[in-house]
């Protein structure tokens, strides 16, 4: 990468925004996974309690 180019600020900003967006998506997916696993566990326990 040529750091003396006139558009280097744009390139670095684009990389930074991309990293932030991908990181945000990863966090969102992990949170959703945790929530859905907890819900599945709760539903499984509820099903077992209703049908021994």
PDB file of N, CA and C in Angstrom:
ATOM      1  N   UNK A   1       0.849  -1.159   0.000  1.00  0.00           N
ATOM      2  CA  UNK A   1       0.000   0.000   0.000  1.00  0.00           C
ATOM      3  C   UNK A   1       0.904   1.234   0.000  1.00  0.00           C
ATOM      4  N   UNK A   2       0.573   2.169  -0.815  1.00  0.00           N
ATOM      5  CA  UNK A   2       1.345   3.409  -0.944  1.00  0.00           C
ATOM      6  C   UNK A   2       0.800   4.445   0.044  1.00  0.00           C
ATOM      7  N   UNK A   3       1.519   4.660   1.142  1.00  0.00           N
ATOM      8  CA  UNK A   3       1.054   5.583   2.166  1.00  0.00           C
ATOM      9  C   UNK A   3       1.237   7.048   1.785  1.00  0.00           C
ATOM     10  N   UNK A   4       1.860   7.317   0.661  1.00  0.00           N
ATOM     11  CA  UNK A   4       2.031   8.704   0.230  1.00  0.00           C
ATOM     12  C   UNK A   4       0.945   9.124  -0.763  1.00  0.00           C
ATOM     13  N   UNK A   5       0.003   8.226  -1.059  1.00  0.00           N
ATOM     14  CA  UNK A   5      -1.071   8.547  -2.006  1.00  0.00           C
ATOM     15  C   UNK A   5      -2.020   9.584  -1.396  1.00  0.00           C
ATOM     16  N   UNK A   6      -2.643  10.345  -2.259  1.00  0.00           N
ATOM     17  CA  UNK A   6      -3.553  11.401  -1.807  1.00  0.00           C
ATOM     18  C   UNK A   6      -4.796  10.849  -1.117  1.00  0.00           C
ATOM     19  N   UNK A   7      -5.198   9.664  -1.471  1.00  0.00           N
ATOM     20  CA  UNK A   7      -6.439   9.101  -0.954  1.00  0.00           C
ATOM     21  C   UNK A   7      -6.226   8.112   0.208  1.00  0.00           C
ATOM     22  N   UNK A   8      -5.079   8.144   0.851  1.00  0.00           N
ATOM     23  CA  UNK A   8      -4.775   7.187   1.910  1.00  0.00           C
ATOM     24  C   UNK A   8      -5.752   7.310   3.087  1.00  0.00           C
ATOM     25  N   UNK A   9      -6.191   8.523   3.363  1.00  0.00           N
ATOM     26  CA  UNK A   9      -7.162   8.711   4.445  1.00  0.00           C
ATOM     27  C   UNK A   9      -8.453   7.973   4.167  1.00  0.00           C
ATOM     28  N   UNK A  10      -8.907   8.045   2.926  1.00  0.00           N
ATOM     29  CA  UNK A  10     -10.125   7.340   2.533  1.00  0.00           C
ATOM     30  C   UNK A  10      -9.942   5.837   2.661  1.00  0.00           C
ATOM     31  N   UNK A  11      -8.813   5.343   2.228  1.00  0.00           N
ATOM     32  CA  UNK A  11      -8.545   3.899   2.288  1.00  0.00           C
ATOM     33  C   UNK A  11      -8.511   3.422   3.743  1.00  0.00           C
ATOM     34  N   UNK A  12      -7.806   4.128   4.590  1.00  0.00           N
ATOM     35  CA  UNK A  12      -7.715   3.728   5.999  1.00  0.00           C
ATOM     36  C   UNK A  12      -9.071   3.830   6.691  1.00  0.00           C
ATOM     37  N   UNK A  13      -9.832   4.871   6.371  1.00  0.00           N
ATOM     38  CA  UNK A  13     -11.170   5.010   6.952  1.00  0.00           C
ATOM     39  C   UNK A  13     -12.069   3.861   6.498  1.00  0.00           C
ATOM     40  N   UNK A  14     -11.958   3.478   5.246  1.00  0.00           N
ATOM     41  CA  UNK A  14     -12.762   2.368   4.725  1.00  0.00           C
ATOM     42  C   UNK A  14     -12.419   1.071   5.443  1.00  0.00           C
ATOM     43  N   UNK A  15     -11.135   0.819   5.649  1.00  0.00           N
ATOM     44  CA  UNK A  15     -10.726  -0.378   6.387  1.00  0.00           C
ATOM     45  C   UNK A  15     -11.256  -0.340   7.816  1.00  0.00           C
ATOM     46  N   UNK A  16     -11.156   0.814   8.464  1.00  0.00           N
ATOM     47  CA  UNK A  16     -11.618   0.939   9.851  1.00  0.00           C
ATOM     48  C   UNK A  16     -13.115   0.696   9.953  1.00  0.00           C
ATOM     49  N   UNK A  17     -13.889   1.271   9.044  1.00  0.00           N
ATOM     50  CA  UNK A  17     -15.336   1.079   9.056  1.00  0.00           C
ATOM     51  C   UNK A  17     -15.674  -0.393   8.806  1.00  0.00           C
ATOM     52  N   UNK A  18     -14.964  -1.016   7.902  1.00  0.00           N
ATOM     53  CA  UNK A  18     -15.201  -2.429   7.605  1.00  0.00           C
ATOM     54  C   UNK A  18     -14.935  -3.297   8.830  1.00  0.00           C
ATOM     55  N   UNK A  19     -13.834  -3.042   9.515  1.00  0.00           N
ATOM     56  CA  UNK A  19     -13.493  -3.819  10.712  1.00  0.00           C
ATOM     57  C   UNK A  19     -14.558  -3.621  11.788  1.00  0.00           C
ATOM     58  N   UNK A  20     -15.011  -2.383  11.978  1.00  0.00           N
ATOM     59  CA  UNK A  20     -16.040  -2.118  12.977  1.00  0.00           C
ATOM     60  C   UNK A  20     -17.360  -2.806  12.627  1.00  0.00           C
ATOM     61  N   UNK A  21     -17.735  -2.767  11.378  1.00  0.00           N
ATOM     62  CA  UNK A  21     -18.991  -3.387  10.961  1.00  0.00           C
ATOM     63  C   UNK A  21     -18.931  -4.914  11.113  1.00  0.00           C
ATOM     64  N   UNK A  22     -17.850  -5.511  10.693  1.00  0.00           N
ATOM     65  CA  UNK A  22     -17.714  -6.970  10.809  1.00  0.00           C
ATOM     66  C   UNK A  22     -17.672  -7.371  12.279  1.00  0.00           C
ATOM     67  N   UNK A  23     -16.963  -6.619  13.089  1.00  0.00           N
ATOM     68  CA  UNK A  23     -16.932  -6.891  14.528  1.00  0.00           C
ATOM     69  C   UNK A  23     -18.316  -6.778  15.147  1.00  0.00           C
ATOM     70  N   UNK A  24     -19.066  -5.760  14.746  1.00  0.00           N
ATOM     71  CA  UNK A  24     -20.430  -5.597  15.241  1.00  0.00           C
ATOM     72  C   UNK A  24     -21.325  -6.752  14.844  1.00  0.00           C
ATOM     73  N   UNK A  25     -21.176  -7.215  13.616  1.00  0.00           N
ATOM     74  CA  UNK A  25     -21.973  -8.359  13.160  1.00  0.00           C
ATOM     75  C   UNK A  25     -21.623  -9.627  13.936  1.00  0.00           C
ATOM     76  N   UNK A  26     -20.354  -9.822  14.202  1.00  0.00           N
ATOM     77  CA  UNK A  26     -19.930 -10.993  14.980  1.00  0.00           C
ATOM     78  C   UNK A  26     -20.532 -10.941  16.380  1.00  0.00           C
ATOM     79  N   UNK A  27     -20.477  -9.781  17.014  1.00  0.00           N
ATOM     80  CA  UNK A  27     -21.040  -9.627  18.355  1.00  0.00           C
ATOM     81  C   UNK A  27     -22.541  -9.883  18.336  1.00  0.00           C
ATOM     82  N   UNK A  28     -23.233  -9.359  17.332  1.00  0.00           N
ATOM     83  CA  UNK A  28     -24.673  -9.551  17.215  1.00  0.00           C
ATOM     84  C   UNK A  28     -25.017 -11.033  17.057  1.00  0.00           C
ATOM     85  N   UNK A  29     -24.275 -11.737  16.237  1.00  0.00           N
ATOM     86  CA  UNK A  29     -24.531 -13.164  16.026  1.00  0.00           C
ATOM     87  C   UNK A  29     -24.279 -13.948  17.315  1.00  0.00           C
ATOM     88  N   UNK A  30     -23.209 -13.638  18.021  1.00  0.00           N
ATOM     89  CA  UNK A  30     -22.909 -14.353  19.269  1.00  0.00           C
ATOM     90  C   UNK A  30     -23.972 -14.099  20.330  1.00  0.00           C
ATOM     91  N   UNK A  31     -24.449 -12.854  20.434  1.00  0.00           N
ATOM     92  CA  UNK A  31     -25.507 -12.544  21.400  1.00  0.00           C
ATOM     93  C   UNK A  31     -26.799 -13.274  21.044  1.00  0.00           C
ATOM     94  N   UNK A  32     -27.134 -13.284  19.771  1.00  0.00           N
ATOM     95  CA  UNK A  32     -28.354 -13.962  19.338  1.00  0.00           C
ATOM     96  C   UNK A  32     -28.247 -15.465  19.598  1.00  0.00           C
ATOM     97  N   UNK A  33     -27.077 -16.031  19.334  1.00  0.00           N
ATOM     98  CA  UNK A  33     -26.865 -17.452  19.583  1.00  0.00           C
ATOM     99  C   UNK A  33     -27.056 -17.770  21.060  1.00  0.00           C
ATOM    100  N   UNK A  34     -26.495 -16.953  21.928  1.00  0.00           N
ATOM    101  CA  UNK A  34     -26.631 -17.174  23.368  1.00  0.00           C
ATOM    102  C   UNK A  34     -28.103 -17.098  23.787  1.00  0.00           C
ATOM    103  N   UNK A  35     -28.813 -16.116  23.249  1.00  0.00           N
ATOM    104  CA  UNK A  35     -30.229 -15.952  23.573  1.00  0.00           C
ATOM    105  C   UNK A  35     -31.046 -17.157  23.093  1.00  0.00           C
ATOM    106  N   UNK A  36     -30.812 -17.602  21.869  1.00  0.00           N
ATOM    107  CA  UNK A  36     -31.571 -18.720  21.324  1.00  0.00           C
ATOM    108  C   UNK A  36     -31.255 -20.035  22.034  1.00  0.00           C
ATOM    109  N   UNK A  37     -29.992 -20.225  22.427  1.00  0.00           N
ATOM    110  CA  UNK A  37     -29.638 -21.433  23.177  1.00  0.00           C
ATOM    111  C   UNK A  37     -30.335 -21.457  24.537  1.00  0.00           C
ATOM    112  N   UNK A  38     -30.388 -20.302  25.201  1.00  0.00           N
ATOM    113  CA  UNK A  38     -31.069 -20.224  26.492  1.00  0.00           C
ATOM    114  C   UNK A  38     -32.561 -20.499  26.325  1.00  0.00           C
ATOM    115  N   UNK A  39     -33.148 -19.965  25.273  1.00  0.00           N
ATOM    116  CA  UNK A  39     -34.564 -20.206  25.023  1.00  0.00           C
ATOM    117  C   UNK A  39     -34.823 -21.682  24.708  1.00  0.00           C
ATOM    118  N   UNK A  40     -33.961 -22.302  23.929  1.00  0.00           N
ATOM    119  CA  UNK A  40     -34.121 -23.718  23.602  1.00  0.00           C
ATOM    120  C   UNK A  40     -33.994 -24.572  24.858  1.00  0.00           C
ATOM    121  N   UNK A  41     -33.065 -24.241  25.730  1.00  0.00           N
ATOM    122  CA  UNK A  41     -32.899 -24.972  26.988  1.00  0.00           C
ATOM    123  C   UNK A  41     -34.144 -24.830  27.854  1.00  0.00           C
ATOM    124  N   UNK A  42     -34.665 -23.616  27.930  1.00  0.00           N
ATOM    125  CA  UNK A  42     -35.871 -23.371  28.724  1.00  0.00           C
ATOM    126  C   UNK A  42     -37.053 -24.153  28.162  1.00  0.00           C
ATOM    127  N   UNK A  43     -37.217 -24.142  26.856  1.00  0.00           N
ATOM    128  CA  UNK A  43     -38.328 -24.862  26.235  1.00  0.00           C
ATOM    129  C   UNK A  43     -38.190 -26.374  26.418  1.00  0.00           C
ATOM    130  N   UNK A  44     -36.977 -26.865  26.341  1.00  0.00           N
ATOM    131  CA  UNK A  44     -36.730 -28.299  26.540  1.00  0.00           C
ATOM    132  C   UNK A  44     -37.080 -28.710  27.976  1.00  0.00           C
ATOM    133  N   UNK A  45     -36.689 -27.882  28.933  1.00  0.00           N
ATOM    134  CA  UNK A  45     -37.016 -28.167  30.332  1.00  0.00           C
ATOM    135  C   UNK A  45     -38.524 -28.109  30.551  1.00  0.00           C
ATOM    136  N   UNK A  46     -39.169 -27.155  29.915  1.00  0.00           N
ATOM    137  CA  UNK A  46     -40.620 -27.032  30.029  1.00  0.00           C
ATOM    138  C   UNK A  46     -41.315 -28.240  29.400  1.00  0.00           C
ATOM    139  N   UNK A  47     -40.827 -28.706  28.278  1.00  0.00           N
ATOM    140  CA  UNK A  47     -41.401 -29.874  27.606  1.00  0.00           C
ATOM    141  C   UNK A  47     -41.249 -31.123  28.468  1.00  0.00           C
ATOM    142  N   UNK A  48     -40.084 -31.285  29.078  1.00  0.00           N
ATOM    143  CA  UNK A  48     -39.848 -32.439  29.933  1.00  0.00           C
ATOM    144  C   UNK A  48     -40.723 -32.400  31.176  1.00  0.00           C
ATOM    145  N   UNK A  49     -41.000 -31.215  31.692  1.00  0.00           N
ATOM    146  CA  UNK A  49     -41.838 -31.077  32.884  1.00  0.00           C
ATOM    147  C   UNK A  49     -43.304 -31.408  32.553  1.00  0.00           C
ATOM    148  N   UNK A  50     -43.736 -31.103  31.355  1.00  0.00           N
ATOM    149  CA  UNK A  50     -45.128 -31.357  30.972  1.00  0.00           C
ATOM    150  C   UNK A  50     -45.359 -32.809  30.563  1.00  0.00           C
ATOM    151  N   UNK A  51     -44.359 -33.473  30.026  1.00  0.00           N
ATOM    152  CA  UNK A  51     -44.492 -34.835  29.524  1.00  0.00           C
ATOM    153  C   UNK A  51     -43.404 -35.733  30.161  1.00  0.00           C
ATOM    154  N   UNK A  52     -43.661 -36.156  31.405  1.00  0.00           N
ATOM    155  CA  UNK A  52     -42.631 -36.965  32.077  1.00  0.00           C
ATOM    156  C   UNK A  52     -42.459 -38.355  31.498  1.00  0.00           C
TER     157      UNK A  52
END
